[in-house]
């Protein structure tokens, strides 16, 4: 299925979850916020399949200031 992740089109397997997507991208599962189609995707739903053609925004926390 196709997703747009931070503005970049990506092909992923059908049924890919937020957790799986983070693993594929080499991102940690802590210090990350996920929005799906403009709405916050709660951590309690990260194991569920993402919808095809969804617009995903991944935000990571950074230290410093």
N, C-alpha and C. Protein backbone atom coordinates (compact mmCIF):
# COMPACT_ATOMS: atom_id res chain seq x y z
N UNK A 1 0.85 -1.18 0.00
CA UNK A 1 0.00 0.00 0.00
C UNK A 1 0.89 1.23 0.00
N UNK A 2 0.33 2.34 -0.35
CA UNK A 2 1.09 3.58 -0.42
C UNK A 2 0.72 4.50 0.74
N UNK A 3 1.75 5.11 1.32
CA UNK A 3 1.58 6.11 2.36
C UNK A 3 2.44 7.32 1.99
N UNK A 4 2.09 8.47 2.51
CA UNK A 4 2.95 9.63 2.41
C UNK A 4 3.49 9.88 3.81
N UNK A 5 4.81 9.78 3.97
CA UNK A 5 5.44 9.92 5.27
C UNK A 5 6.32 11.16 5.24
N UNK A 6 5.94 12.16 6.04
CA UNK A 6 6.66 13.44 6.09
C UNK A 6 6.88 13.99 4.68
N UNK A 7 5.84 13.91 3.86
CA UNK A 7 5.87 14.48 2.52
C UNK A 7 6.47 13.60 1.45
N UNK A 8 6.93 12.40 1.80
CA UNK A 8 7.57 11.49 0.85
C UNK A 8 6.70 10.25 0.64
N UNK A 9 6.39 9.93 -0.61
CA UNK A 9 5.60 8.73 -0.91
C UNK A 9 6.42 7.49 -0.61
N UNK A 10 5.77 6.50 0.03
CA UNK A 10 6.44 5.24 0.37
C UNK A 10 5.50 4.08 0.10
N UNK A 11 6.07 2.99 -0.37
CA UNK A 11 5.34 1.73 -0.52
C UNK A 11 5.64 0.88 0.70
N UNK A 12 4.60 0.39 1.34
CA UNK A 12 4.75 -0.49 2.50
C UNK A 12 3.80 -1.66 2.33
N UNK A 13 4.02 -2.70 3.10
CA UNK A 13 3.15 -3.88 3.03
C UNK A 13 1.76 -3.54 3.55
N UNK A 14 0.75 -4.17 2.97
CA UNK A 14 -0.62 -4.02 3.48
C UNK A 14 -0.63 -4.40 4.95
N UNK A 15 -1.38 -3.67 5.74
CA UNK A 15 -1.50 -3.95 7.16
C UNK A 15 -0.39 -3.37 8.01
N UNK A 16 0.49 -2.56 7.40
CA UNK A 16 1.58 -1.96 8.17
C UNK A 16 1.02 -1.08 9.28
N UNK A 17 1.56 -1.24 10.47
CA UNK A 17 1.15 -0.43 11.61
C UNK A 17 2.17 0.69 11.84
N UNK A 18 1.82 1.60 12.71
CA UNK A 18 2.75 2.69 13.06
C UNK A 18 4.02 2.11 13.67
N UNK A 19 3.88 1.10 14.51
CA UNK A 19 5.05 0.47 15.13
C UNK A 19 5.97 -0.12 14.08
N UNK A 20 5.40 -0.83 13.11
CA UNK A 20 6.18 -1.43 12.04
C UNK A 20 6.83 -0.36 11.18
N UNK A 21 6.11 0.71 10.89
CA UNK A 21 6.66 1.80 10.09
C UNK A 21 7.87 2.42 10.78
N UNK A 22 7.77 2.66 12.07
CA UNK A 22 8.90 3.22 12.81
C UNK A 22 10.11 2.29 12.73
N UNK A 23 9.87 0.98 12.88
CA UNK A 23 10.97 0.01 12.79
C UNK A 23 11.62 0.06 11.41
N UNK A 24 10.80 0.11 10.35
CA UNK A 24 11.32 0.14 8.99
C UNK A 24 12.16 1.39 8.73
N UNK A 25 11.78 2.49 9.37
CA UNK A 25 12.50 3.75 9.18
C UNK A 25 13.68 3.91 10.15
N UNK A 26 13.86 2.94 11.03
CA UNK A 26 14.97 3.00 11.98
C UNK A 26 14.77 4.04 13.07
N UNK A 27 13.52 4.34 13.39
CA UNK A 27 13.22 5.33 14.41
C UNK A 27 12.84 4.65 15.72
N UNK A 28 13.14 5.28 16.84
CA UNK A 28 12.77 4.70 18.13
C UNK A 28 11.26 4.81 18.34
N UNK A 29 10.74 4.04 19.29
CA UNK A 29 9.32 4.15 19.60
C UNK A 29 9.06 5.07 20.78
N UNK A 30 10.12 5.67 21.30
CA UNK A 30 9.97 6.65 22.38
C UNK A 30 10.42 8.02 21.86
N UNK A 31 9.79 9.07 22.34
CA UNK A 31 10.14 10.41 21.89
C UNK A 31 9.62 10.72 20.50
N UNK A 32 8.59 9.99 20.07
CA UNK A 32 8.02 10.17 18.73
C UNK A 32 6.53 10.44 18.86
N UNK A 33 6.04 11.37 18.06
CA UNK A 33 4.60 11.61 17.95
C UNK A 33 4.21 11.32 16.50
N UNK A 34 3.02 10.77 16.31
CA UNK A 34 2.55 10.41 14.98
C UNK A 34 1.20 11.05 14.73
N UNK A 35 1.06 11.64 13.55
CA UNK A 35 -0.24 12.16 13.10
C UNK A 35 -0.62 11.40 11.84
N UNK A 36 -1.87 11.00 11.75
CA UNK A 36 -2.39 10.31 10.58
C UNK A 36 -3.51 11.17 10.02
N UNK A 37 -3.32 11.60 8.79
CA UNK A 37 -4.30 12.47 8.12
C UNK A 37 -4.65 13.69 8.97
N UNK A 38 -3.62 14.26 9.61
CA UNK A 38 -3.79 15.50 10.35
C UNK A 38 -4.28 15.36 11.77
N UNK A 39 -4.52 14.13 12.23
CA UNK A 39 -4.99 13.91 13.60
C UNK A 39 -3.95 13.10 14.37
N UNK A 40 -3.79 13.44 15.65
CA UNK A 40 -2.85 12.71 16.50
C UNK A 40 -3.25 11.23 16.52
N UNK A 41 -2.27 10.36 16.34
CA UNK A 41 -2.48 8.91 16.36
C UNK A 41 -2.00 8.41 17.72
N UNK A 42 -2.93 8.14 18.65
CA UNK A 42 -2.53 7.76 20.01
C UNK A 42 -1.69 6.49 20.04
N UNK A 43 -0.76 6.46 20.96
CA UNK A 43 0.12 5.30 21.11
C UNK A 43 -0.69 4.01 21.27
N UNK A 44 -1.84 4.09 21.88
CA UNK A 44 -2.67 2.90 22.08
C UNK A 44 -3.17 2.31 20.76
N UNK A 45 -3.04 3.04 19.66
CA UNK A 45 -3.48 2.57 18.34
C UNK A 45 -2.31 2.23 17.41
N UNK A 46 -1.08 2.35 17.90
CA UNK A 46 0.09 2.14 17.05
C UNK A 46 0.19 0.73 16.49
N UNK A 47 -0.42 -0.24 17.12
CA UNK A 47 -0.37 -1.62 16.65
C UNK A 47 -1.39 -1.93 15.56
N UNK A 48 -2.29 -1.00 15.31
CA UNK A 48 -3.34 -1.20 14.30
C UNK A 48 -2.83 -0.84 12.91
N UNK A 49 -3.41 -1.45 11.90
CA UNK A 49 -3.02 -1.17 10.52
C UNK A 49 -3.32 0.28 10.16
N UNK A 50 -2.37 0.91 9.48
CA UNK A 50 -2.59 2.27 8.99
C UNK A 50 -3.45 2.21 7.73
N UNK A 51 -4.25 3.26 7.48
CA UNK A 51 -5.07 3.25 6.27
C UNK A 51 -4.24 3.52 5.02
N UNK A 52 -4.60 2.86 3.93
CA UNK A 52 -3.91 3.08 2.65
C UNK A 52 -4.03 4.55 2.26
N UNK A 53 -3.00 5.07 1.63
CA UNK A 53 -2.93 6.44 1.13
C UNK A 53 -2.98 7.50 2.23
N UNK A 54 -2.70 7.09 3.47
CA UNK A 54 -2.72 8.04 4.58
C UNK A 54 -1.53 8.99 4.48
N UNK A 55 -1.73 10.18 5.00
CA UNK A 55 -0.68 11.18 5.13
C UNK A 55 -0.16 11.09 6.56
N UNK A 56 1.06 10.59 6.72
CA UNK A 56 1.66 10.35 8.02
C UNK A 56 2.71 11.42 8.31
N UNK A 57 2.63 12.01 9.48
CA UNK A 57 3.67 12.94 9.93
C UNK A 57 4.31 12.34 11.17
N UNK A 58 5.63 12.17 11.12
CA UNK A 58 6.39 11.67 12.26
C UNK A 58 7.19 12.82 12.84
N UNK A 59 7.04 13.03 14.12
CA UNK A 59 7.76 14.10 14.82
C UNK A 59 8.59 13.48 15.91
N UNK A 60 9.88 13.81 15.96
CA UNK A 60 10.74 13.28 16.99
C UNK A 60 11.21 14.40 17.89
N UNK A 61 11.32 14.07 19.16
CA UNK A 61 11.82 15.04 20.14
C UNK A 61 13.33 15.15 20.01
N UNK A 62 13.84 16.36 20.14
CA UNK A 62 15.29 16.58 20.11
C UNK A 62 15.69 17.37 21.34
N UNK A 63 16.91 17.12 21.80
CA UNK A 63 17.43 17.85 22.95
C UNK A 63 18.12 19.12 22.50
N UNK A 64 18.24 20.01 23.44
CA UNK A 64 18.96 21.25 23.15
C UNK A 64 18.01 22.40 22.96
N UNK A 65 18.55 23.50 22.68
CA UNK A 65 17.64 24.60 22.52
C UNK A 65 18.35 25.80 22.10
